[in-house]
């Protein structure tokens, strides 16, 4: 039985990671072939570095992802704190359900609805270019926000609610207690939420396709436009770089969460020792 479980697990892992492994291997292929590995080479990485259009789309994607991450992290943390302080269970459940809609709603529905809204307001105010960097940024914040809330809320529930009160008893103002006590306690959730928001923004295609203007093109949209002709192996090189960047961020997120759990365990043990 154990052997069968191991085989089944191995097959699942192969199924999940074989495409990525093939992508990484062929990004170092000397030839343009998609099926024959001719030899190890950094040719496509070098060509990627001189492709100005692709590098511009990478720059646009990073600027957009960083801006969306910053805004959604601040707004999501504030929203999570507000939701956690609600005492009415019905209102809290309703708000939680509403904030989950952008995650459960199909991307194409979200993208089309946001596009129609931006065009409507653009026409209302007499703007010919209704879609721009601002519209795509608002769209990315819209679907990144719930992921931050989802990560911060559990940390707020795990936190000892008496800590901010104790800080205020010792002379801290509510604002100072929030930044000195609450924020450090929920920081792992904030970091994880920010990383999730960054990866979601970096990866998004559908919503970006419908809400971006003509002068602003993200990397997923550029790759989609390239598939109408052909995708060169330099896109494999770019995808490989992005994969390892995201992998690094996920490792940082997991390590941060583990350190936070270990710190909480030590504090609980210390409090128990002090009581005895």
Protein backbone atom coordinates (compact mmCIF):
# COMPACT_ATOMS: atom_id res chain seq x y z
CA UNK A 1 0.00 0.00 0.00
CA UNK A 2 2.81 2.40 0.90
CA UNK A 3 4.62 1.60 -2.36
CA UNK A 4 1.46 2.39 -4.35
CA UNK A 5 1.11 5.72 -2.51
CA UNK A 6 4.72 6.60 -3.34
CA UNK A 7 4.23 5.72 -7.01
CA UNK A 8 1.01 7.73 -7.17
CA UNK A 9 2.69 10.74 -5.53
CA UNK A 10 5.63 10.48 -7.93
CA UNK A 11 3.29 10.40 -10.94
CA UNK A 12 1.47 13.50 -9.70
CA UNK A 13 4.76 15.36 -9.19
CA UNK A 14 5.96 14.35 -12.66
CA UNK A 15 2.67 15.48 -14.19
CA UNK A 16 2.91 18.85 -12.43
CA UNK A 17 6.58 19.64 -12.92
CA UNK A 18 7.54 17.91 -16.18
CA UNK A 19 6.36 20.87 -18.33
CA UNK A 20 8.40 23.28 -16.22
CA UNK A 21 11.46 21.03 -16.43
CA UNK A 22 11.13 20.83 -20.22
CA UNK A 23 10.76 24.62 -20.38
CA UNK A 24 13.93 25.16 -18.33
CA UNK A 25 15.95 22.60 -20.35
CA UNK A 26 14.96 24.01 -23.76
CA UNK A 27 15.68 27.57 -22.64
CA UNK A 28 19.34 26.48 -22.80
CA UNK A 29 18.99 24.79 -26.19
CA UNK A 30 21.45 26.06 -28.79
CA UNK A 31 18.99 25.52 -31.67
CA UNK A 32 15.51 26.86 -32.25
CA UNK A 33 14.01 23.37 -32.24
CA UNK A 34 11.26 22.62 -29.76
CA UNK A 35 11.87 18.86 -29.78
CA UNK A 36 15.61 18.28 -30.33
CA UNK A 37 18.21 19.46 -27.80
CA UNK A 38 21.23 20.43 -29.91
CA UNK A 39 23.55 21.58 -27.16
CA UNK A 40 23.85 23.75 -24.05
CA UNK A 41 23.96 27.49 -24.73
CA UNK A 42 22.98 30.87 -23.27
CA UNK A 43 22.01 32.06 -26.76
CA UNK A 44 18.35 32.78 -25.97
CA UNK A 45 19.18 34.57 -22.73
CA UNK A 46 21.52 36.85 -24.69
CA UNK A 47 18.85 37.50 -27.32
CA UNK A 48 16.36 38.24 -24.58
CA UNK A 49 18.65 40.94 -23.19
CA UNK A 50 18.65 42.82 -26.53
CA UNK A 51 14.92 42.48 -27.25
CA UNK A 52 13.77 46.02 -26.38
CA UNK A 53 10.05 45.34 -26.85
CA UNK A 54 10.07 42.35 -24.52
CA UNK A 55 12.20 44.15 -21.93
CA UNK A 56 9.79 47.10 -22.03
CA UNK A 57 6.85 44.77 -21.38
CA UNK A 58 8.80 43.22 -18.48
CA UNK A 59 9.42 46.69 -17.07
CA UNK A 60 5.73 47.57 -17.42
CA UNK A 61 4.73 44.33 -15.72
CA UNK A 62 7.10 44.89 -12.79
CA UNK A 63 6.02 48.51 -12.31
CA UNK A 64 2.37 47.46 -12.39
CA UNK A 65 2.91 44.49 -10.04
CA UNK A 66 4.89 46.55 -7.51
CA UNK A 67 2.36 49.40 -7.53
CA UNK A 68 -0.61 47.03 -7.23
CA UNK A 69 1.14 45.09 -4.46
CA UNK A 70 1.92 48.22 -2.43
CA UNK A 71 -1.60 49.64 -2.69
CA UNK A 72 -3.41 46.34 -2.11
CA UNK A 73 -1.16 45.46 0.85
CA UNK A 74 -1.90 48.74 2.64
CA UNK A 75 -5.61 48.66 1.83
CA UNK A 76 -5.93 44.93 2.52
CA UNK A 77 -4.22 45.19 5.92
CA UNK A 78 -6.44 48.11 6.91
CA UNK A 79 -9.53 46.24 5.69
CA UNK A 80 -8.54 43.08 7.60
CA UNK A 81 -8.09 45.07 10.82
CA UNK A 82 -11.50 46.70 10.33
CA UNK A 83 -13.22 43.37 9.57
CA UNK A 84 -11.57 41.73 12.60
CA UNK A 85 -12.90 44.46 14.91
CA UNK A 86 -16.50 44.06 13.76
CA UNK A 87 -18.72 42.62 16.46
CA UNK A 88 -21.83 41.96 14.36
CA UNK A 89 -21.43 38.43 13.01
CA UNK A 90 -23.89 38.93 10.15
CA UNK A 91 -22.13 42.06 8.88
CA UNK A 92 -18.72 40.39 9.21
CA UNK A 93 -19.83 37.32 7.23
CA UNK A 94 -21.40 39.53 4.56
CA UNK A 95 -18.21 41.58 4.14
CA UNK A 96 -16.10 38.40 3.99
CA UNK A 97 -18.39 37.03 1.28
CA UNK A 98 -18.20 40.28 -0.73
CA UNK A 99 -14.39 40.41 -0.52
CA UNK A 100 -14.19 36.83 -1.78
CA UNK A 101 -16.13 37.64 -4.98
CA UNK A 102 -13.07 38.86 -6.99
CA UNK A 103 -11.33 35.54 -6.22
CA UNK A 104 -14.26 33.28 -7.13
CA UNK A 105 -15.58 35.33 -10.05
CA UNK A 106 -14.22 34.18 -13.47
CA UNK A 107 -11.45 36.47 -14.71
CA UNK A 108 -13.17 37.09 -18.03
CA UNK A 109 -16.32 38.37 -16.26
CA UNK A 110 -14.23 40.63 -14.02
CA UNK A 111 -12.19 41.90 -16.97
CA UNK A 112 -15.18 42.68 -19.19
CA UNK A 113 -17.18 44.32 -16.39
CA UNK A 114 -14.23 46.53 -15.39
CA UNK A 115 -13.60 47.47 -19.01
CA UNK A 116 -17.25 48.49 -19.49
CA UNK A 117 -17.17 50.52 -16.30
CA UNK A 118 -13.98 52.37 -17.29
CA UNK A 119 -15.31 53.07 -20.79
CA UNK A 120 -18.63 54.29 -19.34
CA UNK A 121 -16.96 56.74 -16.96
CA UNK A 122 -14.46 57.77 -19.63
CA UNK A 123 -17.26 58.68 -22.04
CA UNK A 124 -19.14 60.42 -19.23
CA UNK A 125 -16.18 62.72 -18.58
CA UNK A 126 -15.46 63.16 -22.29
CA UNK A 127 -12.19 61.22 -22.41
CA UNK A 128 -11.25 59.56 -25.68
CA UNK A 129 -8.68 57.24 -24.05
CA UNK A 130 -10.77 55.54 -21.39
CA UNK A 131 -8.22 52.77 -20.79
CA UNK A 132 -4.75 53.56 -19.48
CA UNK A 133 -2.19 52.57 -16.85
CA UNK A 134 -4.54 53.89 -14.15
CA UNK A 135 -7.38 51.59 -15.21
CA UNK A 136 -5.21 48.48 -15.29
CA UNK A 137 -3.72 49.42 -11.90
CA UNK A 138 -7.19 49.77 -10.38
CA UNK A 139 -8.13 46.41 -11.89
CA UNK A 140 -5.09 44.68 -10.42
CA UNK A 141 -5.68 46.19 -6.99
CA UNK A 142 -9.28 44.94 -7.20
CA UNK A 143 -8.34 41.27 -7.55
CA UNK A 144 -5.17 41.41 -5.40
CA UNK A 145 -6.95 42.94 -2.39
CA UNK A 146 -8.84 39.80 -1.29
CA UNK A 147 -5.63 37.75 -1.22
CA UNK A 148 -4.05 40.19 1.24
CA UNK A 149 -7.17 40.19 3.42
CA UNK A 150 -7.25 36.39 3.32
CA UNK A 151 -3.67 36.20 4.63
CA UNK A 152 -3.84 38.96 7.26
CA UNK A 153 -7.17 38.04 8.90
CA UNK A 154 -5.97 34.66 10.32
CA UNK A 155 -2.93 36.36 11.86
CA UNK A 156 -5.19 38.92 13.56
CA UNK A 157 -7.34 36.10 14.96
CA UNK A 158 -4.26 34.25 16.22
CA UNK A 159 -2.88 37.36 17.94
CA UNK A 160 -3.48 37.79 21.63
CA UNK A 161 -6.01 40.65 21.78
CA UNK A 162 -4.69 41.75 25.17
CA UNK A 163 -1.30 42.79 23.72
CA UNK A 164 -2.46 46.14 22.21
CA UNK A 165 -4.45 46.84 25.39
CA UNK A 166 -1.38 46.17 27.51
CA UNK A 167 0.67 48.53 25.32
CA UNK A 168 -1.93 51.27 25.82
CA UNK A 169 -1.93 50.66 29.59
CA UNK A 170 1.83 51.24 29.50
CA UNK A 171 1.37 54.64 27.85
CA UNK A 172 1.10 53.98 24.11
CA UNK A 173 -1.52 55.77 22.09
CA UNK A 174 -3.86 53.52 20.05
CA UNK A 175 -1.98 54.45 16.86
CA UNK A 176 1.43 53.77 18.41
CA UNK A 177 0.19 50.47 19.86
CA UNK A 178 -1.06 49.47 16.42
CA UNK A 179 2.29 50.11 14.74
CA UNK A 180 4.46 48.82 17.61
CA UNK A 181 2.44 45.75 18.61
CA UNK A 182 -0.22 44.76 16.09
CA UNK A 183 1.82 45.24 12.91
CA UNK A 184 4.82 43.16 14.10
CA UNK A 185 2.44 40.39 15.21
CA UNK A 186 0.67 40.18 11.83
CA UNK A 187 3.76 40.95 9.71
CA UNK A 188 4.11 37.33 8.41
CA UNK A 189 0.55 37.55 7.06
CA UNK A 190 1.27 40.93 5.50
CA UNK A 191 4.42 39.60 3.80
CA UNK A 192 2.62 36.49 2.54
CA UNK A 193 -0.29 38.58 1.27
CA UNK A 194 2.07 40.97 -0.50
CA UNK A 195 3.92 38.09 -2.17
CA UNK A 196 0.63 36.54 -3.30
CA UNK A 197 -0.57 39.89 -4.63
CA UNK A 198 2.71 40.36 -6.51
CA UNK A 199 2.58 36.91 -8.11
CA UNK A 200 -1.11 37.27 -9.04
CA UNK A 201 -0.48 40.66 -10.65
CA UNK A 202 2.63 39.39 -12.42
CA UNK A 203 0.75 36.41 -13.84
CA UNK A 204 -2.53 38.04 -14.86
CA UNK A 205 -3.50 38.04 -18.54
CA UNK A 206 -7.28 38.14 -18.96
CA UNK A 207 -8.05 41.21 -16.85
CA UNK A 208 -4.96 43.02 -18.15
CA UNK A 209 -5.98 42.28 -21.74
CA UNK A 210 -9.38 43.95 -21.29
CA UNK A 211 -8.38 46.93 -19.12
CA UNK A 212 -5.00 48.06 -20.51
CA UNK A 213 -4.68 50.92 -22.97
CA UNK A 214 -2.92 50.88 -26.32
CA UNK A 215 0.26 52.46 -24.95
CA UNK A 216 0.79 50.01 -22.08
CA UNK A 217 1.48 46.31 -22.67
CA UNK A 218 2.25 43.75 -19.98
CA UNK A 219 4.36 40.66 -20.53
CA UNK A 220 1.48 38.11 -20.60
CA UNK A 221 -0.32 40.24 -23.20
CA UNK A 222 2.85 40.48 -25.31
CA UNK A 223 3.39 36.71 -25.17
CA UNK A 224 -0.22 36.19 -26.24
CA UNK A 225 0.29 38.52 -29.19
CA UNK A 226 3.45 36.61 -30.12
CA UNK A 227 1.56 33.28 -30.23
CA UNK A 228 -0.34 34.56 -33.27
CA UNK A 229 2.96 34.26 -35.15
CA UNK A 230 5.52 32.18 -33.27
CA UNK A 231 7.01 31.94 -29.79
CA UNK A 232 10.80 31.92 -29.89
CA UNK A 233 12.91 30.10 -27.27
CA UNK A 234 13.89 33.44 -25.73
CA UNK A 235 10.40 33.36 -24.19
CA UNK A 236 11.45 30.08 -22.56
CA UNK A 237 14.43 31.90 -21.11
CA UNK A 238 12.21 34.67 -19.77
CA UNK A 239 9.72 32.16 -18.34
CA UNK A 240 12.59 30.33 -16.62
CA UNK A 241 13.79 33.54 -14.98
CA UNK A 242 10.26 34.38 -13.81
CA UNK A 243 9.77 30.84 -12.47
CA UNK A 244 12.88 31.00 -10.28
CA UNK A 245 12.00 34.50 -9.06
CA UNK A 246 8.53 33.32 -7.99
CA UNK A 247 10.02 30.17 -6.44
CA UNK A 248 12.38 32.34 -4.37
CA UNK A 249 9.48 34.53 -3.19
CA UNK A 250 7.48 31.46 -2.15
CA UNK A 251 10.44 30.09 -0.20
CA UNK A 252 10.81 33.44 1.59
CA UNK A 253 7.09 33.42 2.39
CA UNK A 254 7.23 29.90 3.84
CA UNK A 255 10.35 30.63 5.88
CA UNK A 256 8.79 33.82 7.26
CA UNK A 257 5.66 31.92 8.27
CA UNK A 258 7.69 29.17 9.95
CA UNK A 259 9.76 31.72 11.89
CA UNK A 260 6.60 33.48 13.02
CA UNK A 261 5.06 30.20 14.20
CA UNK A 262 8.23 29.34 16.10
CA UNK A 263 8.28 32.80 17.74
CA UNK A 264 4.64 32.43 18.79
CA UNK A 265 5.37 29.02 20.29
CA UNK A 266 8.31 30.40 22.26
CA UNK A 267 6.23 33.33 23.56
CA UNK A 268 3.47 30.96 24.71
CA UNK A 269 6.02 28.78 26.50
CA UNK A 270 7.54 31.88 28.10
CA UNK A 271 4.15 33.09 29.31
CA UNK A 272 3.40 29.66 30.78
CA UNK A 273 6.78 29.67 32.53
CA UNK A 274 6.16 33.14 33.97
CA UNK A 275 2.75 32.07 35.31
CA UNK A 276 4.25 29.09 37.09
